[in-house]
Amino acid sequence: MSFDAAPHSDSAWSQLADRVAALWQSGVAAEQCGECATARALWIELLGLDPTHLGALNRLGAQLAADGDHDLAREVFAEAVLQHPGDAMSRVNLANLLVKHEEFEEAREHLEQALRIDADFRPAHAGLAFVLARLGEPELAARHGRIAFARSCVVEAKFRGAGQPIRVLELIATTGGNVRIESFLNDRVFQRFLVAAEFYDPSHPLPEHDLVLNAVGDADLSGAALRGVAALMEKTAAPAINRPEAVQATGRAEVARRLAAIPGVRTARTAAVAREALAAPNAAATLAELGFRFPLLLRSPGFHGGEHFLKLDSVNELPGALDALPGRELLAIEFLDSRTTDGKRRKYRAMMVDGRLYPLHCAVSRHWKIHYFSAEMADSAANRAEDAAFLADMPGVLGPRAMRALEAIQSTLGLDYGGMDFGLSPDGEVLVFEANATMVILPPKPEPKWDYRRPAVERVCRAVHTMLTSRARQATLA
């Protein structure tokens, strides 16, 4: 996105300045009244007159980001940084967009530059608390988190709607592993108060709220945050989504143990192993004592997008894996091979929302590590047909035995919001790969070939929105 200044003579400068000032005041007023489309048009008009206007660049970028136009927002924030390299907020805004694209190193550079501009700039410390945790520097991340949140762990997000909002306490972990549910919290409906749960102080009063949303989703990564969530829950009578005790029991090893007892379910043996033990000469014997044999999977805790996740076919691959994987402890995971006679593997995802199951996708691939965005779907009409059949009739595709197992998994986990990734054995047994609260609902790409997916995704999204609004309204009525 580019903005070209309108040509003007020196004699017209005063009129131009007056017009810019009027557009700025009108844009701010429109935002305050929740007239976001009007404000967006005003920011664009203003930037056509003054392409370097700092306030308009940052407000337009924030509005684009809130509307989900992340690529355009990134361009606008990059322009703000280019035009105003000494503005700390512009750098933080750009860093936040880079984080959404998982460009953590570049985000770190902008956040550290923001602190060189203003050493006490709280948003930059908060951003580094998250980014450094993702880059495998937990001690430094914790130091920035303490600076950002020790005095106040609550951050109020902007409400852009008209009328009375639904006020939500959104509890997060600064180390990451949060449920990506913010897309459901439309800022024209919801007023969000983000709470850094690790730093919650029970002596501090909470803002008025209608609903508590526990977005801390990774039990392996966020123990301190979940303890903060539990302490906060004792101070509120508002309805809550994803109680901390339910999330706490969804660590990978714990889930594997709990779900293994369900008829029709097979889970992957999982254990946390110290890096030193895996680097020792007797590592193979250590793994054997824990019940593992090769091939096995090794992954760093706290990551959910397939990064830092390797398959090892022999003990000889351990040294290279340890060089590649961050973390003091690594998760050893039994390899469940879901390959069928056609040489392909299928990974199904079902979402759990308010006591019901919703099909989200069937990803088909010849590779052992399957994620929908990297599976063999875009270039295969046959694979997309399998996906469409699953979305249209999950019970018919999976069969009654598997459906009973999935319903038992949902009941056992007790999550209001979550998901499970699984395959099927040749006899219909459910092979659980992962089941927790961190599952993501990604919208289909705009190409027509993905149109078949839209109704299923919209169905899940409506269910989440209904759960959030109905819980809050029940509390208001009560």
Protein backbone atom coordinates (compact mmCIF):
# COMPACT_ATOMS: atom_id res chain seq x y z
CA MET A 1 0.00 0.00 0.00
CA SER A 2 1.39 3.37 -0.98
CA PHE A 3 0.20 6.92 -0.39
CA ASP A 4 1.04 9.80 -2.70
CA ALA A 5 0.85 13.32 -1.38
CA ALA A 6 -1.37 15.70 -3.29
CA PRO A 7 0.67 18.37 -5.09
CA HIS A 8 0.39 21.80 -3.54
CA SER A 9 2.13 25.14 -3.62
CA ASP A 10 3.67 26.90 -0.67
CA SER A 11 0.73 29.29 -0.56
CA ALA A 12 -1.69 26.35 -0.09
CA TRP A 13 0.26 24.83 2.81
CA SER A 14 -1.96 26.36 5.47
CA GLN A 15 -5.11 24.99 3.84
CA LEU A 16 -3.50 21.56 3.52
CA ALA A 17 -2.49 21.55 7.20
CA ASP A 18 -6.03 22.53 8.19
CA ARG A 19 -7.48 19.71 6.06
CA VAL A 20 -5.08 17.15 7.54
CA ALA A 21 -5.97 18.28 11.06
CA ALA A 22 -9.71 18.04 10.28
CA LEU A 23 -9.33 14.54 8.83
CA TRP A 24 -7.36 13.46 11.89
CA GLN A 25 -10.02 14.72 14.30
CA SER A 26 -12.81 13.14 12.22
CA GLY A 27 -10.97 9.80 12.05
CA VAL A 28 -10.42 9.68 15.80
CA ALA A 29 -14.08 10.57 16.43
CA ALA A 30 -15.25 7.88 13.98
CA GLU A 31 -13.14 5.24 15.74
CA GLN A 32 -14.51 6.27 19.12
CA CYS A 33 -18.05 5.86 17.79
CA GLY A 34 -17.27 2.43 16.35
CA GLU A 35 -17.56 3.66 12.73
CA CYS A 36 -14.56 1.69 11.56
CA ALA A 37 -15.21 1.80 7.81
CA THR A 38 -15.57 5.57 7.97
CA ALA A 39 -12.37 5.89 10.00
CA ARG A 40 -10.48 3.68 7.58
CA ALA A 41 -11.55 5.86 4.63
CA LEU A 42 -10.53 9.00 6.52
CA TRP A 43 -7.07 7.60 7.34
CA ILE A 44 -6.52 6.72 3.68
CA GLU A 45 -7.64 10.19 2.57
CA LEU A 46 -5.38 11.82 5.16
CA LEU A 47 -2.39 9.77 4.06
CA GLY A 48 -3.05 10.80 0.49
CA LEU A 49 -2.38 14.36 1.65
CA ASP A 50 0.39 13.57 4.14
CA PRO A 51 1.90 10.10 3.50
CA THR A 52 4.20 10.41 6.53
CA HIS A 53 1.51 11.18 9.12
CA LEU A 54 2.56 9.01 12.08
CA GLY A 55 -0.81 8.80 13.82
CA ALA A 56 -2.70 7.92 10.66
CA LEU A 57 -0.18 5.24 9.66
CA ASN A 58 -0.39 3.51 13.01
CA ARG A 59 -4.17 3.81 13.33
CA LEU A 60 -4.77 2.55 9.80
CA GLY A 61 -2.34 -0.32 10.39
CA ALA A 62 -4.07 -1.22 13.66
CA GLN A 63 -7.47 -1.20 11.97
CA LEU A 64 -6.25 -3.36 9.08
CA ALA A 65 -4.75 -5.82 11.57
CA ALA A 66 -7.99 -5.90 13.60
CA ASP A 67 -9.92 -6.62 10.39
CA GLY A 68 -7.59 -9.49 9.52
CA ASP A 69 -5.79 -7.71 6.65
CA HIS A 70 -2.40 -8.64 8.07
CA ASP A 71 -0.39 -8.25 4.88
CA LEU A 72 -1.67 -4.71 4.29
CA ALA A 73 -1.23 -3.85 7.95
CA ARG A 74 2.35 -5.02 7.76
CA GLU A 75 3.00 -2.73 4.78
CA VAL A 76 1.53 0.24 6.62
CA PHE A 77 3.52 -0.38 9.80
CA ALA A 78 6.68 -0.89 7.73
CA GLU A 79 6.05 2.51 6.15
CA ALA A 80 5.60 4.02 9.62
CA VAL A 81 8.98 2.60 10.67
CA LEU A 82 10.60 3.81 7.47
CA GLN A 83 9.26 7.34 7.89
CA HIS A 84 9.67 7.48 11.68
CA PRO A 85 12.58 5.18 12.64
CA GLY A 86 12.71 6.75 16.11
CA ASP A 87 9.11 5.88 17.03
CA ALA A 88 9.03 2.90 19.39
CA MET A 89 5.32 2.16 18.95
CA SER A 90 5.62 1.79 15.18
CA ARG A 91 8.36 -0.81 15.66
CA VAL A 92 6.28 -2.73 18.19
CA ASN A 93 3.28 -2.68 15.86
CA LEU A 94 5.38 -4.04 13.01
CA ALA A 95 6.90 -6.67 15.30
CA ASN A 96 3.43 -7.88 16.28
CA LEU A 97 2.61 -8.48 12.62
CA LEU A 98 5.91 -10.28 12.09
CA VAL A 99 5.08 -12.57 15.01
CA LYS A 100 1.82 -13.55 13.30
CA HIS A 101 3.95 -14.72 10.36
CA GLU A 102 6.37 -16.44 12.80
CA GLU A 103 9.24 -14.19 11.68
CA PHE A 104 10.60 -14.09 15.20
CA GLU A 105 14.16 -12.97 14.51
CA GLU A 106 13.07 -9.88 12.59
CA ALA A 107 10.43 -9.14 15.23
CA ARG A 108 13.13 -9.34 17.88
CA GLU A 109 15.26 -6.79 16.03
CA HIS A 110 12.43 -4.25 15.96
CA LEU A 111 11.52 -4.83 19.61
CA GLU A 112 15.11 -4.43 20.75
CA GLN A 113 15.39 -1.28 18.64
CA ALA A 114 12.25 0.04 20.34
CA LEU A 115 13.96 -0.44 23.70
CA ARG A 116 17.02 1.42 22.44
CA ILE A 117 14.62 4.28 21.71
CA ASP A 118 12.84 3.96 25.08
CA ALA A 119 14.33 1.53 27.61
CA ASP A 120 11.12 1.50 29.67
CA PHE A 121 8.68 0.95 26.79
CA ARG A 122 6.37 -1.67 28.22
CA PRO A 123 4.89 -2.99 24.91
CA ALA A 124 8.42 -3.79 23.69
CA HIS A 125 9.24 -5.72 26.86
CA ALA A 126 5.95 -7.61 26.54
CA GLY A 127 6.70 -8.49 22.93
CA LEU A 128 10.17 -9.75 23.79
CA ALA A 129 8.75 -11.90 26.59
CA PHE A 130 6.86 -13.82 23.92
CA VAL A 131 9.38 -13.71 21.07
CA LEU A 132 12.38 -14.80 23.13
CA ALA A 133 10.45 -17.74 24.53
CA ARG A 134 9.77 -18.86 20.95
CA LEU A 135 13.47 -18.43 20.13
CA GLY A 136 14.52 -20.72 22.98
CA GLU A 137 15.74 -18.09 25.46
CA PRO A 138 13.34 -18.60 28.41
CA GLU A 139 15.43 -16.83 31.06
CA LEU A 140 15.74 -13.63 29.04
CA ALA A 141 12.08 -13.88 28.07
CA ALA A 142 11.10 -14.11 31.75
CA ARG A 143 13.18 -11.04 32.59
CA HIS A 144 11.37 -8.97 29.97
CA GLY A 145 8.05 -10.40 31.17
CA ARG A 146 8.73 -9.25 34.71
CA ILE A 147 9.56 -5.75 33.50
CA ALA A 148 6.40 -5.60 31.38
CA PHE A 149 3.88 -7.09 33.78
CA ALA A 150 5.18 -7.07 37.39
CA ARG A 151 3.46 -3.76 38.21
CA SER A 152 0.30 -4.42 36.19
CA CYS A 153 -0.61 -7.65 34.46
CA VAL A 154 -3.78 -6.33 32.77
CA VAL A 155 -3.76 -4.70 29.33
CA GLU A 156 -6.99 -3.17 28.03
CA ALA A 157 -7.62 -3.66 24.32
CA LYS A 158 -9.53 -1.10 22.28
CA PHE A 159 -13.30 -1.57 21.86
CA ARG A 160 -14.51 -0.27 18.49
CA GLY A 161 -18.22 -1.08 18.74
CA ALA A 162 -21.29 0.89 19.70
CA GLY A 163 -23.32 0.15 22.81
CA GLN A 164 -22.46 -2.09 25.74
CA PRO A 165 -19.65 -4.59 25.00
CA ILE A 166 -19.28 -8.12 26.32
CA ARG A 167 -16.33 -7.70 28.67
CA VAL A 168 -13.87 -10.59 28.55
CA LEU A 169 -10.88 -11.35 30.74
CA GLU A 170 -8.55 -13.12 28.31
CA LEU A 171 -5.90 -14.98 30.30
CA ILE A 172 -2.66 -15.56 28.40
CA ALA A 173 0.84 -16.92 28.98
CA THR A 174 3.65 -14.58 27.99
CA THR A 175 5.77 -17.60 27.05
CA GLY A 176 3.37 -18.64 24.25
CA GLY A 177 1.31 -21.76 23.84
CA ASN A 178 -1.90 -19.70 23.90
CA VAL A 179 -5.18 -20.67 22.29
CA ARG A 180 -5.51 -18.61 19.11
CA ILE A 181 -9.08 -17.60 19.75
CA GLU A 182 -8.69 -13.84 19.35
CA SER A 183 -10.25 -13.96 15.87
CA PHE A 184 -13.56 -14.82 17.54
CA LEU A 185 -13.38 -11.82 19.87
CA ASN A 186 -14.56 -9.18 17.45
CA ASP A 187 -13.69 -5.81 18.92
CA ARG A 188 -17.07 -4.46 17.85
CA VAL A 189 -18.75 -6.96 20.19
CA PHE A 190 -16.17 -7.79 22.86
CA GLN A 191 -14.11 -5.60 25.15
CA ARG A 192 -10.93 -7.58 25.86
CA PHE A 193 -8.78 -7.28 28.95
CA LEU A 194 -5.62 -9.32 28.44
CA VAL A 195 -4.17 -10.72 31.65
CA ALA A 196 -0.58 -12.01 31.78
CA ALA A 197 -1.41 -14.96 34.00
CA GLU A 198 2.13 -15.67 35.26
CA PHE A 199 2.16 -12.25 36.91
CA TYR A 200 -1.37 -12.17 38.32
CA ASP A 201 -1.45 -10.67 41.83
CA PRO A 202 -4.58 -11.70 43.78
CA SER A 203 -4.37 -8.49 45.81
CA HIS A 204 -5.05 -6.35 42.72
CA PRO A 205 -8.73 -5.84 41.73
CA LEU A 206 -9.88 -7.20 38.39
CA PRO A 207 -11.70 -5.02 35.85
CA GLU A 208 -15.46 -5.54 35.57
CA HIS A 209 -16.10 -8.50 33.28
CA ASP A 210 -18.80 -10.82 31.97
CA LEU A 211 -16.69 -13.81 30.92
CA VAL A 212 -13.31 -15.37 31.66
CA LEU A 213 -11.55 -16.94 28.69
CA ASN A 214 -8.55 -19.02 29.64
CA ALA A 215 -6.35 -18.87 26.55
CA VAL A 216 -3.42 -20.59 28.30
CA GLY A 217 -3.46 -23.84 26.36
CA ASP A 218 -0.08 -25.59 26.62
CA ALA A 219 0.26 -27.53 29.85
CA ASP A 220 3.85 -28.56 29.05
CA LEU A 221 5.02 -24.99 28.52
CA SER A 222 2.84 -22.82 30.76
CA GLY A 223 2.73 -24.29 34.25
CA ALA A 224 3.33 -20.94 35.96
CA ALA A 225 0.63 -19.27 33.88
CA LEU A 226 -1.89 -22.01 34.70
CA ARG A 227 -1.19 -21.54 38.40
CA GLY A 228 -1.94 -17.84 37.91
CA VAL A 229 -5.16 -18.75 36.10
CA ALA A 230 -6.21 -20.98 39.01
CA ALA A 231 -5.55 -18.17 41.49
CA LEU A 232 -7.55 -15.70 39.40
CA MET A 233 -10.50 -18.09 39.11
CA GLU A 234 -10.88 -17.96 42.87
CA LYS A 235 -11.51 -14.20 42.63
CA THR A 236 -14.35 -14.24 40.10
CA ALA A 237 -17.83 -15.70 39.80
CA ALA A 238 -18.04 -15.08 36.05
CA PRO A 239 -18.46 -18.08 33.72
CA ALA A 240 -15.18 -19.46 32.41
CA ILE A 241 -14.08 -21.13 29.19
CA ASN A 242 -11.50 -23.92 29.66
CA ARG A 243 -11.01 -24.29 33.39
CA PRO A 244 -7.31 -24.44 34.35
CA GLU A 245 -7.57 -27.91 35.88
CA ALA A 246 -8.85 -29.28 32.56
CA VAL A 247 -6.02 -27.64 30.61
CA GLN A 248 -3.41 -28.72 33.17
CA ALA A 249 -4.25 -32.36 32.42
CA THR A 250 -3.57 -32.01 28.67
CA GLY A 251 0.22 -32.22 28.63
CA ARG A 252 1.32 -34.59 25.88
CA ALA A 253 2.51 -37.34 28.21
CA GLU A 254 -0.54 -36.99 30.47
CA VAL A 255 -2.97 -37.10 27.54
CA ALA A 256 -1.29 -40.21 26.17
CA ARG A 257 -1.68 -41.89 29.56
CA ARG A 258 -5.28 -40.80 30.18
CA LEU A 259 -6.67 -41.61 26.77
CA ALA A 260 -4.96 -44.99 26.45
CA ALA A 261 -7.61 -46.53 28.70
CA ILE A 262 -10.48 -45.63 26.34
CA PRO A 263 -11.75 -48.57 24.25
CA GLY A 264 -10.92 -48.13 20.58
CA VAL A 265 -8.13 -45.63 21.25
CA ARG A 266 -4.40 -46.04 20.85
CA THR A 267 -2.08 -43.29 22.04
CA ALA A 268 1.61 -42.70 21.46
CA ARG A 269 3.78 -43.43 24.48
CA THR A 270 5.25 -40.07 25.46
CA ALA A 271 7.91 -39.07 27.99
CA ALA A 272 9.95 -35.95 28.77
CA VAL A 273 13.67 -36.78 28.67
CA ALA A 274 16.49 -34.50 29.78
CA ARG A 275 18.81 -33.35 27.02
CA GLU A 276 21.79 -34.64 29.01
CA ALA A 277 20.32 -38.14 29.07
CA LEU A 278 19.81 -38.11 25.32
CA ALA A 279 23.37 -36.88 24.77
CA ALA A 280 24.89 -39.58 27.00
CA PRO A 281 26.58 -42.70 25.54
CA ASN A 282 23.83 -44.91 27.01
CA ALA A 283 20.97 -42.88 25.46
CA ALA A 284 19.61 -45.90 23.57
CA ALA A 285 19.40 -47.89 26.80
CA THR A 286 17.69 -44.97 28.56
CA LEU A 287 15.06 -44.79 25.84
CA ALA A 288 14.58 -48.55 25.91
CA GLU A 289 14.01 -48.46 29.67
CA LEU A 290 11.27 -45.88 29.05
CA GLY A 291 9.63 -48.25 26.57
CA PHE A 292 10.79 -46.66 23.30
CA ARG A 293 12.26 -48.24 20.22
CA PHE A 294 13.24 -46.78 16.87
CA PRO A 295 11.83 -45.24 14.81
CA LEU A 296 10.61 -42.64 17.29
CA LEU A 297 9.72 -38.97 17.29
CA LEU A 298 11.54 -36.24 19.16
CA ARG A 299 10.17 -32.73 19.64
CA SER A 300 10.71 -29.62 21.73
CA PRO A 301 7.82 -28.85 24.10
CA GLY A 302 5.69 -25.81 23.45
CA PHE A 303 5.59 -25.87 19.65
CA HIS A 304 2.46 -26.85 17.73
CA GLY A 305 3.03 -26.02 14.07
CA GLY A 306 5.36 -28.91 13.25
CA GLU A 307 8.53 -26.94 13.96
CA HIS A 308 11.24 -28.52 16.13
CA PHE A 309 9.77 -31.97 15.50
CA LEU A 310 11.87 -34.81 14.04
CA LYS A 311 11.59 -38.51 13.23
CA LEU A 312 14.63 -40.60 14.15
CA ASP A 313 15.11 -43.98 12.51
CA SER A 314 18.09 -44.97 14.63
CA VAL A 315 20.11 -43.93 17.65
CA ASN A 316 22.81 -42.64 15.28
CA GLU A 317 20.54 -39.70 14.43
CA LEU A 318 20.36 -38.48 18.03
CA PRO A 319 23.38 -36.12 17.96
CA GLY A 320 22.09 -34.27 14.90
CA ALA A 321 18.60 -34.04 16.39
CA LEU A 322 19.96 -32.58 19.63
CA ASP A 323 21.80 -29.92 17.63
CA ALA A 324 18.57 -28.98 15.85
CA LEU A 325 16.06 -29.05 18.72
CA PRO A 326 15.93 -26.36 21.46
CA GLY A 327 15.03 -27.00 25.07
CA ARG A 328 16.48 -28.53 28.22
CA GLU A 329 13.96 -31.35 27.98
CA LEU A 330 12.67 -33.04 24.86
CA LEU A 331 9.60 -35.17 24.34
CA ALA A 332 10.22 -38.71 23.14
CA ILE A 333 7.09 -39.93 21.34
CA GLU A 334 6.21 -43.35 20.00
CA PHE A 335 5.80 -43.34 16.22
CA LEU A 336 2.27 -44.37 15.26
CA ASP A 337 2.33 -45.21 11.56
CA SER A 338 -1.10 -44.54 10.04
CA ARG A 339 0.01 -45.41 6.50
CA THR A 340 -2.52 -47.42 4.52
CA THR A 341 -2.11 -49.83 1.60
CA ASP A 342 -2.04 -46.97 -0.91
CA GLY A 343 1.10 -45.60 0.79
CA LYS A 344 -0.70 -42.51 2.10
CA ARG A 345 -1.34 -41.28 5.62
CA ARG A 346 -4.41 -39.43 6.80
CA LYS A 347 -4.58 -37.01 9.68
CA TYR A 348 -8.05 -36.01 10.74
CA ARG A 349 -8.83 -33.01 12.92
CA ALA A 350 -12.02 -32.69 14.93
CA MET A 351 -12.78 -29.65 17.06
CA MET A 352 -14.42 -29.85 20.48
CA VAL A 353 -16.70 -26.88 21.16
CA ASP A 354 -19.11 -26.67 24.09
CA GLY A 355 -19.63 -30.43 24.30
CA ARG A 356 -19.95 -31.14 20.57
CA LEU A 357 -17.60 -32.48 17.89
CA TYR A 358 -17.06 -30.72 14.55
CA PRO A 359 -14.98 -32.05 11.63
CA LEU A 360 -12.34 -29.56 10.50
CA HIS A 361 -10.15 -31.34 7.97
CA CYS A 362 -8.73 -34.57 6.62
CA ALA A 363 -5.15 -34.02 5.46
CA VAL A 364 -3.67 -36.63 3.11
CA SER A 365 0.07 -37.03 2.56
CA ARG A 366 2.81 -39.55 1.89
CA HIS A 367 5.01 -37.87 4.52
CA TRP A 368 4.92 -38.88 8.19
CA LYS A 369 4.57 -35.28 9.42
CA ILE A 370 1.21 -34.02 8.20
CA HIS A 371 -0.10 -30.49 8.48
CA TYR A 372 -2.97 -29.33 6.35
CA PHE A 373 -1.06 -26.37 4.93
CA SER A 374 1.80 -28.62 3.75
CA ALA A 375 -0.11 -31.83 2.93
CA GLU A 376 -0.79 -33.01 -0.63
CA MET A 377 -4.15 -31.27 -0.96
CA ALA A 378 -3.83 -28.27 -3.27
CA ASP A 379 -2.68 -30.34 -6.28
CA SER A 380 -4.82 -33.42 -5.71
CA ALA A 381 -8.54 -33.42 -6.49
CA ALA A 382 -8.76 -36.96 -5.10
CA ASN A 383 -7.33 -35.89 -1.74
CA ARG A 384 -9.68 -32.91 -1.61
CA ALA A 385 -12.57 -35.27 -2.32
CA GLU A 386 -11.59 -37.30 0.76
CA ASP A 387 -11.49 -34.10 2.78
CA ALA A 388 -14.93 -33.07 1.48
CA ALA A 389 -16.40 -36.47 2.36
CA PHE A 390 -15.08 -36.21 5.92
CA LEU A 391 -16.46 -32.70 6.36
CA ALA A 392 -19.86 -33.73 5.00
CA ASP A 393 -20.23 -36.96 6.99
CA MET A 394 -17.66 -37.53 9.74
CA PRO A 395 -19.55 -40.51 11.29
CA GLY A 396 -19.92 -42.17 7.90
CA VAL A 397 -16.20 -41.83 7.10
CA LEU A 398 -14.87 -42.85 10.51
CA GLY A 399 -17.42 -45.47 11.53
CA PRO A 400 -19.29 -46.03 14.80
CA ARG A 401 -16.32 -47.46 16.72
CA ALA A 402 -14.18 -44.40 16.05
CA MET A 403 -17.03 -41.99 16.79
CA ARG A 404 -17.61 -43.61 20.18
CA ALA A 405 -13.90 -43.26 20.89
CA LEU A 406 -13.87 -39.56 19.90
CA GLU A 407 -16.88 -38.83 22.11
CA ALA A 408 -15.15 -40.57 25.01
CA ILE A 409 -11.99 -38.51 24.39
CA GLN A 410 -14.00 -35.30 24.49
CA SER A 411 -15.71 -36.34 27.72
CA THR A 412 -12.41 -37.34 29.31
CA LEU A 413 -10.63 -34.08 28.45
CA GLY A 414 -13.48 -31.85 29.60
CA LEU A 415 -12.41 -28.85 27.52
CA ASP A 416 -14.93 -26.23 26.42
CA TYR A 417 -12.71 -25.49 23.42
CA GLY A 418 -10.06 -27.75 21.96
CA GLY A 419 -9.32 -30.24 19.25
CA MET A 420 -7.78 -33.58 18.43
CA ASP A 421 -5.57 -34.78 15.61
CA PHE A 422 -5.81 -38.49 14.89
CA GLY A 423 -5.52 -41.26 12.33
CA LEU A 424 -7.21 -44.62 11.92
CA SER A 425 -5.68 -48.05 12.14
CA PRO A 426 -6.77 -50.68 9.57
CA ASP A 427 -9.36 -52.04 12.03
CA GLY A 428 -10.85 -48.63 12.84
CA GLU A 429 -8.91 -47.90 16.02
CA VAL A 430 -8.33 -44.17 16.68
CA LEU A 431 -4.62 -43.32 16.70
CA VAL A 432 -4.34 -40.13 18.77
CA PHE A 433 -1.52 -37.83 17.67
CA GLU A 434 -2.47 -34.80 19.73
CA ALA A 435 -5.44 -33.57 21.78
CA ASN A 436 -5.47 -30.25 23.64
CA ALA A 437 -6.76 -26.68 23.70
CA THR A 438 -4.25 -25.17 21.27
CA MET A 439 -5.82 -26.43 18.04
CA VAL A 440 -6.18 -23.71 15.42
CA ILE A 441 -9.12 -23.06 13.07
CA LEU A 442 -7.61 -21.59 9.91
CA PRO A 443 -9.91 -20.10 7.26
CA PRO A 444 -9.75 -21.64 3.78
CA LYS A 445 -7.74 -19.84 1.14
CA PRO A 446 -9.75 -17.69 -1.29
CA GLU A 447 -9.32 -19.94 -4.34
CA PRO A 448 -12.57 -21.59 -5.57
CA LYS A 449 -11.12 -25.07 -5.08
CA TRP A 450 -11.45 -24.56 -1.32
CA ASP A 451 -15.11 -23.52 -1.43
CA TYR A 452 -16.17 -26.96 -0.22
CA ARG A 453 -14.40 -26.30 3.09
CA ARG A 454 -16.08 -23.01 3.91
CA PRO A 455 -19.41 -24.32 5.33
CA ALA A 456 -17.64 -26.67 7.76
CA VAL A 457 -15.23 -23.98 8.97
CA GLU A 458 -18.06 -21.46 9.32
CA ARG A 459 -20.04 -24.02 11.32
CA VAL A 460 -17.24 -24.37 13.86
CA CYS A 461 -16.72 -20.63 14.04
CA ARG A 462 -20.42 -20.04 14.68
CA ALA A 463 -20.31 -22.63 17.44
CA VAL A 464 -17.39 -20.85 19.14
CA HIS A 465 -19.05 -17.44 18.83
CA THR A 466 -22.32 -18.83 20.19
CA MET A 467 -20.52 -20.41 23.14
CA LEU A 468 -18.77 -17.15 24.05
CA THR A 469 -21.83 -14.92 23.74
CA SER A 470 -24.30 -17.32 25.37
CA ARG A 471 -22.06 -17.93 28.40
CA ALA A 472 -21.61 -14.20 28.91
CA ARG A 473 -25.32 -13.46 28.48
CA GLN A 474 -26.30 -16.22 30.90
CA ALA A 475 -24.10 -14.59 33.49
CA THR A 476 -25.65 -11.19 32.79
CA LEU A 477 -29.16 -12.58 33.20
CA ALA A 478 -28.16 -14.37 36.40
